[in-house]
Structure formats: C-alpha cells, structure tokens
Amino acid sequence: MKKIKIRCNGHGRHVNEIDLDTALKRIRVLRSEASPFPDPIPDRIVLPCHECAEGRVILTRNIIKENM
C-alpha cells in the first residue's frame, strides 16, 4: 500500500512515515460490544512516534480513506 507522512502530537512534532498496510494489520482491542458488520477501517489508529517517547501518531478514518 501507500506510505504517508504524519506529524506526531509530541513536543517535537516529528514527521513519521507510516505504511498504511502494516498500520491496518495491527491487532485491535475492542472495549465495547463488537458490531455484527464491522467496518474494515477503524475510526482511528494511534501509533507511537518513531522519534520520541511522548508523541503519538493518530490516523483517522478520513486520512486513511484519502490515501488508499
């Protein structure tokens, strides 16, 4: 799939290159009852920043759909 560049929300606002294929294959943890017809694209995916320990990279469904 495609790689996209997104900034983390940490102090340094580091640019992270995210491969959408590997981000969508991560194990998902459900905190409520699962829908009988789940959407293959989650509402959001939160990944750790590659540069700093405090930052997180947040991928929303809209960002993923725009870059597929």
PDB file of N, CA and C in Angstrom:
ATOM      1  N   MET A   1       0.831  -1.183   0.000  1.00  0.00           N
ATOM      2  CA  MET A   1       0.000   0.000   0.000  1.00  0.00           C
ATOM      3  C   MET A   1       0.874   1.244   0.000  1.00  0.00           C
ATOM      4  N   LYS A   2       0.275   2.328   0.309  1.00  0.00           N
ATOM      5  CA  LYS A   2       0.939   3.619   0.237  1.00  0.00           C
ATOM      6  C   LYS A   2       1.525   4.024   1.591  1.00  0.00           C
ATOM      7  N   LYS A   3       2.638   4.759   1.553  1.00  0.00           N
ATOM      8  CA  LYS A   3       3.217   5.321   2.772  1.00  0.00           C
ATOM      9  C   LYS A   3       2.849   6.792   2.832  1.00  0.00           C
ATOM     10  N   ILE A   4       2.459   7.234   4.030  1.00  0.00           N
ATOM     11  CA  ILE A   4       2.106   8.639   4.220  1.00  0.00           C
ATOM     12  C   ILE A   4       2.963   9.221   5.329  1.00  0.00           C
ATOM     13  N   LYS A   5       3.103  10.530   5.315  1.00  0.00           N
ATOM     14  CA  LYS A   5       3.876  11.226   6.336  1.00  0.00           C
ATOM     15  C   LYS A   5       2.926  12.024   7.212  1.00  0.00           C
ATOM     16  N   ILE A   6       3.011  11.776   8.522  1.00  0.00           N
ATOM     17  CA  ILE A   6       2.154  12.448   9.502  1.00  0.00           C
ATOM     18  C   ILE A   6       3.009  12.883  10.677  1.00  0.00           C
ATOM     19  N   ARG A   7       2.714  14.050  11.219  1.00  0.00           N
ATOM     20  CA  ARG A   7       3.435  14.554  12.393  1.00  0.00           C
ATOM     21  C   ARG A   7       2.847  13.954  13.665  1.00  0.00           C
ATOM     22  N   CYS A   8       3.721  13.741  14.649  1.00  0.00           N
ATOM     23  CA  CYS A   8       3.260  13.263  15.954  1.00  0.00           C
ATOM     24  C   CYS A   8       2.705  14.448  16.747  1.00  0.00           C
ATOM     25  N   ASN A   9       2.027  14.143  17.832  1.00  0.00           N
ATOM     26  CA  ASN A   9       1.469  15.203  18.671  1.00  0.00           C
ATOM     27  C   ASN A   9       2.362  15.540  19.856  1.00  0.00           C
ATOM     28  N   GLY A  10       3.611  15.078  19.825  1.00  0.00           N
ATOM     29  CA  GLY A  10       4.566  15.366  20.903  1.00  0.00           C
ATOM     30  C   GLY A  10       5.162  16.757  20.772  1.00  0.00           C
ATOM     31  N   HIS A  11       6.072  17.071  21.678  1.00  0.00           N
ATOM     32  CA  HIS A  11       6.690  18.396  21.737  1.00  0.00           C
ATOM     33  C   HIS A  11       7.462  18.732  20.458  1.00  0.00           C
ATOM     34  N   GLY A  12       8.148  17.752  19.888  1.00  0.00           N
ATOM     35  CA  GLY A  12       8.970  17.991  18.706  1.00  0.00           C
ATOM     36  C   GLY A  12       8.213  17.991  17.393  1.00  0.00           C
ATOM     37  N   ARG A  13       6.965  17.499  17.393  1.00  0.00           N
ATOM     38  CA  ARG A  13       6.149  17.408  16.176  1.00  0.00           C
ATOM     39  C   ARG A  13       6.926  16.719  15.053  1.00  0.00           C
ATOM     40  N   HIS A  14       7.501  15.545  15.359  1.00  0.00           N
ATOM     41  CA  HIS A  14       8.324  14.804  14.411  1.00  0.00           C
ATOM     42  C   HIS A  14       7.473  14.243  13.271  1.00  0.00           C
ATOM     43  N   VAL A  15       8.055  14.197  12.080  1.00  0.00           N
ATOM     44  CA  VAL A  15       7.380  13.625  10.915  1.00  0.00           C
ATOM     45  C   VAL A  15       7.640  12.128  10.901  1.00  0.00           C
ATOM     46  N   ASN A  16       6.559  11.348  10.854  1.00  0.00           N
ATOM     47  CA  ASN A  16       6.655   9.889  10.825  1.00  0.00           C
ATOM     48  C   ASN A  16       6.145   9.394   9.481  1.00  0.00           C
ATOM     49  N   GLU A  17       6.846   8.437   8.910  1.00  0.00           N
ATOM     50  CA  GLU A  17       6.401   7.810   7.670  1.00  0.00           C
ATOM     51  C   GLU A  17       5.696   6.508   8.039  1.00  0.00           C
ATOM     52  N   ILE A  18       4.407   6.438   7.739  1.00  0.00           N
ATOM     53  CA  ILE A  18       3.577   5.308   8.142  1.00  0.00           C
ATOM     54  C   ILE A  18       3.153   4.526   6.909  1.00  0.00           C
ATOM     55  N   ASP A  19       3.347   3.208   6.948  1.00  0.00           N
ATOM     56  CA  ASP A  19       2.870   2.333   5.887  1.00  0.00           C
ATOM     57  C   ASP A  19       1.436   1.926   6.254  1.00  0.00           C
ATOM     58  N   LEU A  20       0.482   2.274   5.414  1.00  0.00           N
ATOM     59  CA  LEU A  20      -0.923   2.001   5.731  1.00  0.00           C
ATOM     60  C   LEU A  20      -1.212   0.513   5.825  1.00  0.00           C
ATOM     61  N   ASP A  21      -0.542  -0.290   5.036  1.00  0.00           N
ATOM     62  CA  ASP A  21      -0.784  -1.727   5.046  1.00  0.00           C
ATOM     63  C   ASP A  21      -0.449  -2.326   6.408  1.00  0.00           C
ATOM     64  N   THR A  22       0.706  -1.969   6.966  1.00  0.00           N
ATOM     65  CA  THR A  22       1.083  -2.510   8.273  1.00  0.00           C
ATOM     66  C   THR A  22       0.254  -1.889   9.392  1.00  0.00           C
ATOM     67  N   ALA A  23      -0.151  -0.630   9.248  1.00  0.00           N
ATOM     68  CA  ALA A  23      -0.961   0.015  10.284  1.00  0.00           C
ATOM     69  C   ALA A  23      -2.342  -0.629  10.377  1.00  0.00           C
ATOM     70  N   LEU A  24      -2.900  -1.040   9.253  1.00  0.00           N
ATOM     71  CA  LEU A  24      -4.231  -1.650   9.264  1.00  0.00           C
ATOM     72  C   LEU A  24      -4.197  -3.110   9.705  1.00  0.00           C
ATOM     73  N   LYS A  25      -3.036  -3.753   9.686  1.00  0.00           N
ATOM     74  CA  LYS A  25      -2.941  -5.152  10.097  1.00  0.00           C
ATOM     75  C   LYS A  25      -2.649  -5.330  11.573  1.00  0.00           C
ATOM     76  N   ARG A  26      -2.500  -4.254  12.318  1.00  0.00           N
ATOM     77  CA  ARG A  26      -2.215  -4.368  13.756  1.00  0.00           C
ATOM     78  C   ARG A  26      -3.403  -5.000  14.489  1.00  0.00           C
ATOM     79  N   ILE A  27      -3.136  -5.600  15.628  1.00  0.00           N
ATOM     80  CA  ILE A  27      -4.183  -6.223  16.429  1.00  0.00           C
ATOM     81  C   ILE A  27      -5.040  -5.133  17.056  1.00  0.00           C
ATOM     82  N   ARG A  28      -6.337  -5.295  16.961  1.00  0.00           N
ATOM     83  CA  ARG A  28      -7.256  -4.303  17.514  1.00  0.00           C
ATOM     84  C   ARG A  28      -7.847  -4.801  18.828  1.00  0.00           C
ATOM     85  N   VAL A  29      -7.990  -3.903  19.777  1.00  0.00           N
ATOM     86  CA  VAL A  29      -8.593  -4.219  21.062  1.00  0.00           C
ATOM     87  C   VAL A  29      -9.941  -3.515  21.119  1.00  0.00           C
ATOM     88  N   LEU A  30     -10.995  -4.289  21.354  1.00  0.00           N
ATOM     89  CA  LEU A  30     -12.336  -3.724  21.430  1.00  0.00           C
ATOM     90  C   LEU A  30     -12.700  -3.495  22.885  1.00  0.00           C
ATOM     91  N   ARG A  31     -13.245  -2.329  23.167  1.00  0.00           N
ATOM     92  CA  ARG A  31     -13.626  -2.007  24.553  1.00  0.00           C
ATOM     93  C   ARG A  31     -15.130  -1.991  24.735  1.00  0.00           C
ATOM     94  N   SER A  32     -15.847  -2.378  23.721  1.00  0.00           N
ATOM     95  CA  SER A  32     -17.295  -2.471  23.811  1.00  0.00           C
ATOM     96  C   SER A  32     -17.730  -3.650  22.949  1.00  0.00           C
ATOM     97  N   GLU A  33     -19.023  -3.857  22.870  1.00  0.00           N
ATOM     98  CA  GLU A  33     -19.506  -4.967  22.058  1.00  0.00           C
ATOM     99  C   GLU A  33     -19.176  -4.730  20.591  1.00  0.00           C
ATOM    100  N   ALA A  34     -18.758  -5.766  19.925  1.00  0.00           N
ATOM    101  CA  ALA A  34     -18.401  -5.660  18.512  1.00  0.00           C
ATOM    102  C   ALA A  34     -19.656  -5.607  17.658  1.00  0.00           C
ATOM    103  N   SER A  35     -19.585  -4.837  16.604  1.00  0.00           N
ATOM    104  CA  SER A  35     -20.679  -4.739  15.654  1.00  0.00           C
ATOM    105  C   SER A  35     -20.736  -6.021  14.831  1.00  0.00           C
ATOM    106  N   PRO A  36     -21.937  -6.489  14.467  1.00  0.00           N
ATOM    107  CA  PRO A  36     -22.008  -7.694  13.644  1.00  0.00           C
ATOM    108  C   PRO A  36     -21.437  -7.474  12.237  1.00  0.00           C
ATOM    109  N   PHE A  37     -21.407  -6.220  11.778  1.00  0.00           N
ATOM    110  CA  PHE A  37     -20.843  -5.875  10.474  1.00  0.00           C
ATOM    111  C   PHE A  37     -19.797  -4.786  10.655  1.00  0.00           C
ATOM    112  N   PRO A  38     -18.627  -5.141  11.152  1.00  0.00           N
ATOM    113  CA  PRO A  38     -17.614  -4.112  11.430  1.00  0.00           C
ATOM    114  C   PRO A  38     -17.067  -3.488  10.151  1.00  0.00           C
ATOM    115  N   ASP A  39     -16.709  -2.223  10.242  1.00  0.00           N
ATOM    116  CA  ASP A  39     -16.071  -1.525   9.134  1.00  0.00           C
ATOM    117  C   ASP A  39     -14.623  -1.988   9.093  1.00  0.00           C
ATOM    118  N   PRO A  40     -14.099  -2.328   7.912  1.00  0.00           N
ATOM    119  CA  PRO A  40     -12.709  -2.790   7.853  1.00  0.00           C
ATOM    120  C   PRO A  40     -11.689  -1.711   8.225  1.00  0.00           C
ATOM    121  N   ILE A  41     -12.104  -0.446   8.178  1.00  0.00           N
ATOM    122  CA  ILE A  41     -11.219   0.655   8.564  1.00  0.00           C
ATOM    123  C   ILE A  41     -11.709   1.200   9.909  1.00  0.00           C
ATOM    124  N   PRO A  42     -10.876   1.161  10.942  1.00  0.00           N
ATOM    125  CA  PRO A  42     -11.298   1.656  12.261  1.00  0.00           C
ATOM    126  C   PRO A  42     -11.461   3.179  12.277  1.00  0.00           C
ATOM    127  N   ASP A  43     -12.140   3.702  13.299  1.00  0.00           N
ATOM    128  CA  ASP A  43     -12.340   5.145  13.438  1.00  0.00           C
ATOM    129  C   ASP A  43     -11.007   5.870  13.531  1.00  0.00           C
ATOM    130  N   ARG A  44     -10.078   5.306  14.305  1.00  0.00           N
ATOM    131  CA  ARG A  44      -8.747   5.892  14.398  1.00  0.00           C
ATOM    132  C   ARG A  44      -7.754   4.834  14.851  1.00  0.00           C
ATOM    133  N   ILE A  45      -6.508   5.055  14.462  1.00  0.00           N
ATOM    134  CA  ILE A  45      -5.397   4.191  14.862  1.00  0.00           C
ATOM    135  C   ILE A  45      -4.364   5.094  15.517  1.00  0.00           C
ATOM    136  N   VAL A  46      -3.923   4.723  16.717  1.00  0.00           N
ATOM    137  CA  VAL A  46      -2.918   5.501  17.442  1.00  0.00           C
ATOM    138  C   VAL A  46      -1.637   4.681  17.503  1.00  0.00           C
ATOM    139  N   LEU A  47      -0.562   5.250  16.957  1.00  0.00           N
ATOM    140  CA  LEU A  47       0.739   4.587  16.913  1.00  0.00           C
ATOM    141  C   LEU A  47       1.758   5.425  17.677  1.00  0.00           C
ATOM    142  N   PRO A  48       2.786   4.804  18.241  1.00  0.00           N
ATOM    143  CA  PRO A  48       3.836   5.584  18.908  1.00  0.00           C
ATOM    144  C   PRO A  48       4.710   6.296  17.876  1.00  0.00           C
ATOM    145  N   CYS A  49       5.261   7.425  18.271  1.00  0.00           N
ATOM    146  CA  CYS A  49       6.169   8.177  17.410  1.00  0.00           C
ATOM    147  C   CYS A  49       7.487   7.419  17.292  1.00  0.00           C
ATOM    148  N   HIS A  50       8.110   7.460  16.106  1.00  0.00           N
ATOM    149  CA  HIS A  50       9.385   6.780  15.894  1.00  0.00           C
ATOM    150  C   HIS A  50      10.559   7.567  16.464  1.00  0.00           C
ATOM    151  N   GLU A  51      10.370   8.859  16.724  1.00  0.00           N
ATOM    152  CA  GLU A  51      11.463   9.724  17.164  1.00  0.00           C
ATOM    153  C   GLU A  51      11.469   9.989  18.676  1.00  0.00           C
ATOM    154  N   CYS A  52      10.289  10.125  19.279  1.00  0.00           N
ATOM    155  CA  CYS A  52      10.235  10.483  20.711  1.00  0.00           C
ATOM    156  C   CYS A  52       9.331   9.512  21.468  1.00  0.00           C
ATOM    157  N   ALA A  53       9.447   9.516  22.782  1.00  0.00           N
ATOM    158  CA  ALA A  53       8.655   8.611  23.617  1.00  0.00           C
ATOM    159  C   ALA A  53       7.303   9.192  23.982  1.00  0.00           C
ATOM    160  N   GLU A  54       7.161  10.508  23.937  1.00  0.00           N
ATOM    161  CA  GLU A  54       5.919  11.139  24.381  1.00  0.00           C
ATOM    162  C   GLU A  54       4.881  11.292  23.284  1.00  0.00           C
ATOM    163  N   GLY A  55       5.316  11.346  22.032  1.00  0.00           N
ATOM    164  CA  GLY A  55       4.406  11.630  20.924  1.00  0.00           C
ATOM    165  C   GLY A  55       3.659  10.415  20.420  1.00  0.00           C
ATOM    166  N   ARG A  56       2.478  10.672  19.891  1.00  0.00           N
ATOM    167  CA  ARG A  56       1.658   9.641  19.276  1.00  0.00           C
ATOM    168  C   ARG A  56       1.261  10.119  17.885  1.00  0.00           C
ATOM    169  N   VAL A  57       1.171   9.184  16.959  1.00  0.00           N
ATOM    170  CA  VAL A  57       0.726   9.476  15.605  1.00  0.00           C
ATOM    171  C   VAL A  57      -0.702   8.966  15.500  1.00  0.00           C
ATOM    172  N   ILE A  58      -1.634   9.846  15.148  1.00  0.00           N
ATOM    173  CA  ILE A  58      -3.046   9.488  15.103  1.00  0.00           C
ATOM    174  C   ILE A  58      -3.515   9.479  13.653  1.00  0.00           C
ATOM    175  N   LEU A  59      -3.972   8.309  13.220  1.00  0.00           N
ATOM    176  CA  LEU A  59      -4.532   8.149  11.878  1.00  0.00           C
ATOM    177  C   LEU A  59      -6.048   8.039  12.013  1.00  0.00           C
ATOM    178  N   THR A  60      -6.777   8.931  11.398  1.00  0.00           N
ATOM    179  CA  THR A  60      -8.237   8.854  11.422  1.00  0.00           C
ATOM    180  C   THR A  60      -8.731   8.133  10.180  1.00  0.00           C
ATOM    181  N   ARG A  61      -9.977   7.730  10.201  1.00  0.00           N
ATOM    182  CA  ARG A  61     -10.577   7.029   9.063  1.00  0.00           C
ATOM    183  C   ARG A  61     -10.523   7.888   7.801  1.00  0.00           C
ATOM    184  N   ASN A  62     -10.739   9.203   7.949  1.00  0.00           N
ATOM    185  CA  ASN A  62     -10.707  10.094   6.789  1.00  0.00           C
ATOM    186  C   ASN A  62      -9.319  10.142   6.160  1.00  0.00           C
ATOM    187  N   ILE A  63      -8.272  10.201   6.978  1.00  0.00           N
ATOM    188  CA  ILE A  63      -6.898  10.224   6.463  1.00  0.00           C
ATOM    189  C   ILE A  63      -6.598   8.926   5.715  1.00  0.00           C
ATOM    190  N   ILE A  64      -7.037   7.802   6.273  1.00  0.00           N
ATOM    191  CA  ILE A  64      -6.777   6.515   5.638  1.00  0.00           C
ATOM    192  C   ILE A  64      -7.511   6.408   4.305  1.00  0.00           C
ATOM    193  N   LYS A  65      -8.779   6.811   4.270  1.00  0.00           N
ATOM    194  CA  LYS A  65      -9.551   6.730   3.031  1.00  0.00           C
ATOM    195  C   LYS A  65      -9.005   7.655   1.952  1.00  0.00           C
ATOM    196  N   GLU A  66      -8.511   8.826   2.328  1.00  0.00           N
ATOM    197  CA  GLU A  66      -7.944   9.770   1.352  1.00  0.00           C
ATOM    198  C   GLU A  66      -6.683   9.214   0.710  1.00  0.00           C
ATOM    199  N   ASN A  67      -5.939   8.386   1.435  1.00  0.00           N
ATOM    200  CA  ASN A  67      -4.645   7.910   0.960  1.00  0.00           C
ATOM    201  C   ASN A  67      -4.654   6.463   0.478  1.00  0.00           C
ATOM    202  N   MET A  68      -5.801   5.874   0.323  1.00  0.00           N
ATOM    203  CA  MET A  68      -5.869   4.486  -0.163  1.00  0.00           C
ATOM    204  C   MET A  68      -5.886   4.462  -1.677  1.00  0.00           C
TER     205      MET A  68
END
